[in-house]
Amino acid sequence: MCLGIPGRIVEITDAARMTAMADVSGVKREVNIACVAEAEPAALVGRWALIHVGFAMALIDEAEAAATLEALRHLGEAQETLEQIAESARALS
């Protein structure tokens, strides 16, 4: 299973190489935009994309990005709870 993290394209870093800077939850990273490139790469600035291992895999709208980020936040909270339960169980053993 692949997990794409929503990121907003904030600038095109090299149009010829199809790379852009994406803001992924406050962390900026360079991503390849070849899979989502439109006629002009500059048209992607401000758009949301699902980012997976350095590639923008699909364009999404802002509502979908927000919903995905919220779901990921809940998954993180669930993982923390499971880890706390496991730690408590180990302490009782």
C-alpha atoms as a PDB file:
ATOM      1  CA  MET A   1       0.000   0.000   0.000  1.00  0.00           C
ATOM      2  CA  CYS A   2       1.253   3.453  -0.870  1.00  0.00           C
ATOM      3  CA  LEU A   3       0.521   6.497   1.194  1.00  0.00           C
ATOM      4  CA  GLY A   4       0.435   9.908  -0.410  1.00  0.00           C
ATOM      5  CA  ILE A   5       0.780  12.937   1.840  1.00  0.00           C
ATOM      6  CA  PRO A   6      -0.919  16.161   0.717  1.00  0.00           C
ATOM      7  CA  GLY A   7       1.459  18.966  -0.149  1.00  0.00           C
ATOM      8  CA  ARG A   8       0.970  22.362  -1.756  1.00  0.00           C
ATOM      9  CA  ILE A   9       3.234  23.248  -4.687  1.00  0.00           C
ATOM     10  CA  VAL A  10       4.822  26.568  -3.701  1.00  0.00           C
ATOM     11  CA  GLU A  11       7.309  27.145  -6.531  1.00  0.00           C
ATOM     12  CA  ILE A  12       8.771  25.567  -9.638  1.00  0.00           C
ATOM     13  CA  THR A  13      12.461  24.967  -9.005  1.00  0.00           C
ATOM     14  CA  ASP A  14      13.452  23.627 -12.444  1.00  0.00           C
ATOM     15  CA  ALA A  15      10.843  23.485 -15.213  1.00  0.00           C
ATOM     16  CA  ALA A  16      13.154  21.544 -17.538  1.00  0.00           C
ATOM     17  CA  ARG A  17      13.746  18.820 -14.935  1.00  0.00           C
ATOM     18  CA  MET A  18      10.080  19.002 -13.827  1.00  0.00           C
ATOM     19  CA  THR A  19      10.868  19.735 -10.191  1.00  0.00           C
ATOM     20  CA  ALA A  20       9.039  21.937  -7.745  1.00  0.00           C
ATOM     21  CA  MET A  21       9.129  22.877  -4.083  1.00  0.00           C
ATOM     22  CA  ALA A  22       6.182  21.499  -2.116  1.00  0.00           C
ATOM     23  CA  ASP A  23       5.107  22.438   1.390  1.00  0.00           C
ATOM     24  CA  VAL A  24       4.202  19.193   3.151  1.00  0.00           C
ATOM     25  CA  SER A  25       2.802  19.952   6.613  1.00  0.00           C
ATOM     26  CA  GLY A  26       5.161  22.889   7.042  1.00  0.00           C
ATOM     27  CA  VAL A  27       8.216  21.084   5.669  1.00  0.00           C
ATOM     28  CA  LYS A  28       9.421  22.186   2.257  1.00  0.00           C
ATOM     29  CA  ARG A  29      10.855  19.534  -0.030  1.00  0.00           C
ATOM     30  CA  GLU A  30      11.678  19.252  -3.684  1.00  0.00           C
ATOM     31  CA  VAL A  31       9.401  16.926  -5.637  1.00  0.00           C
ATOM     32  CA  ASN A  32       9.158  15.692  -9.197  1.00  0.00           C
ATOM     33  CA  ILE A  33       6.017  16.996 -10.913  1.00  0.00           C
ATOM     34  CA  ALA A  34       6.222  14.995 -14.166  1.00  0.00           C
ATOM     35  CA  CYS A  35       3.185  12.866 -13.246  1.00  0.00           C
ATOM     36  CA  VAL A  36       0.948  15.901 -12.735  1.00  0.00           C
ATOM     37  CA  ALA A  37       2.483  18.356 -15.193  1.00  0.00           C
ATOM     38  CA  GLU A  38       0.126  20.466 -17.191  1.00  0.00           C
ATOM     39  CA  ALA A  39       0.945  22.599 -20.243  1.00  0.00           C
ATOM     40  CA  GLU A  40       2.855  25.077 -18.067  1.00  0.00           C
ATOM     41  CA  PRO A  41       4.468  23.819 -14.853  1.00  0.00           C
ATOM     42  CA  ALA A  42       3.958  27.298 -13.355  1.00  0.00           C
ATOM     43  CA  ALA A  43       0.201  26.587 -13.394  1.00  0.00           C
ATOM     44  CA  LEU A  44       0.808  24.077 -10.586  1.00  0.00           C
ATOM     45  CA  VAL A  45       1.929  26.728  -8.086  1.00  0.00           C
ATOM     46  CA  GLY A  46      -0.674  26.898  -5.346  1.00  0.00           C
ATOM     47  CA  ARG A  47      -2.218  23.519  -6.258  1.00  0.00           C
ATOM     48  CA  TRP A  48      -2.405  20.568  -3.870  1.00  0.00           C
ATOM     49  CA  ALA A  49      -0.920  17.196  -4.781  1.00  0.00           C
ATOM     50  CA  LEU A  50      -0.503  13.819  -3.137  1.00  0.00           C
ATOM     51  CA  ILE A  51       3.237  13.389  -2.582  1.00  0.00           C
ATOM     52  CA  HIS A  52       4.824   9.935  -2.385  1.00  0.00           C
ATOM     53  CA  VAL A  53       8.592   9.321  -2.147  1.00  0.00           C
ATOM     54  CA  GLY A  54       9.454  12.628  -3.801  1.00  0.00           C
ATOM     55  CA  PHE A  55       6.873  12.500  -6.588  1.00  0.00           C
ATOM     56  CA  ALA A  56       3.656  14.456  -6.953  1.00  0.00           C
ATOM     57  CA  MET A  57       1.388  11.554  -7.927  1.00  0.00           C
ATOM     58  CA  ALA A  58      -2.034  13.205  -8.282  1.00  0.00           C
ATOM     59  CA  LEU A  59      -3.597  16.639  -8.024  1.00  0.00           C
ATOM     60  CA  ILE A  60      -6.290  17.047  -5.365  1.00  0.00           C
ATOM     61  CA  ASP A  61      -8.450  19.936  -4.255  1.00  0.00           C
ATOM     62  CA  GLU A  62      -8.021  21.816  -0.987  1.00  0.00           C
ATOM     63  CA  ALA A  63     -10.981  20.071   0.684  1.00  0.00           C
ATOM     64  CA  GLU A  64      -9.551  16.631  -0.077  1.00  0.00           C
ATOM     65  CA  ALA A  65      -6.128  17.760   1.171  1.00  0.00           C
ATOM     66  CA  ALA A  66      -7.654  18.976   4.456  1.00  0.00           C
ATOM     67  CA  ALA A  67      -9.651  15.756   4.923  1.00  0.00           C
ATOM     68  CA  THR A  68      -6.578  13.611   4.246  1.00  0.00           C
ATOM     69  CA  LEU A  69      -4.421  15.621   6.651  1.00  0.00           C
ATOM     70  CA  GLU A  70      -7.115  15.274   9.336  1.00  0.00           C
ATOM     71  CA  ALA A  71      -7.311  11.497   8.782  1.00  0.00           C
ATOM     72  CA  LEU A  72      -3.523  11.240   9.053  1.00  0.00           C
ATOM     73  CA  ARG A  73      -3.613  13.247  12.300  1.00  0.00           C
ATOM     74  CA  HIS A  74      -6.190  10.811  13.723  1.00  0.00           C
ATOM     75  CA  LEU A  75      -4.065   7.838  12.659  1.00  0.00           C
ATOM     76  CA  GLY A  76      -1.099   9.362  14.473  1.00  0.00           C
ATOM     77  CA  GLU A  77      -3.174   9.830  17.624  1.00  0.00           C
ATOM     78  CA  ALA A  78      -4.407   6.240  17.412  1.00  0.00           C
ATOM     79  CA  GLN A  79      -0.826   4.998  17.052  1.00  0.00           C
ATOM     80  CA  GLU A  80       0.234   6.982  20.132  1.00  0.00           C
ATOM     81  CA  THR A  81      -2.650   5.460  22.130  1.00  0.00           C
ATOM     82  CA  LEU A  82      -1.702   1.934  21.045  1.00  0.00           C
ATOM     83  CA  GLU A  83       1.910   2.561  22.027  1.00  0.00           C
ATOM     84  CA  GLN A  84       0.823   3.846  25.464  1.00  0.00           C
ATOM     85  CA  ILE A  85      -1.353   0.760  25.997  1.00  0.00           C
ATOM     86  CA  ALA A  86       1.521  -1.534  25.011  1.00  0.00           C
ATOM     87  CA  GLU A  87       3.883   0.341  27.335  1.00  0.00           C
ATOM     88  CA  SER A  88       1.424   0.033  30.229  1.00  0.00           C
ATOM     89  CA  ALA A  89       1.030  -3.696  29.569  1.00  0.00           C
ATOM     90  CA  ARG A  90       4.807  -4.173  29.588  1.00  0.00           C
ATOM     91  CA  ALA A  91       5.060  -2.254  32.877  1.00  0.00           C
ATOM     92  CA  LEU A  92       2.466  -4.577  34.490  1.00  0.00           C
ATOM     93  CA  SER A  93       4.302  -7.729  33.342  1.00  0.00           C
END
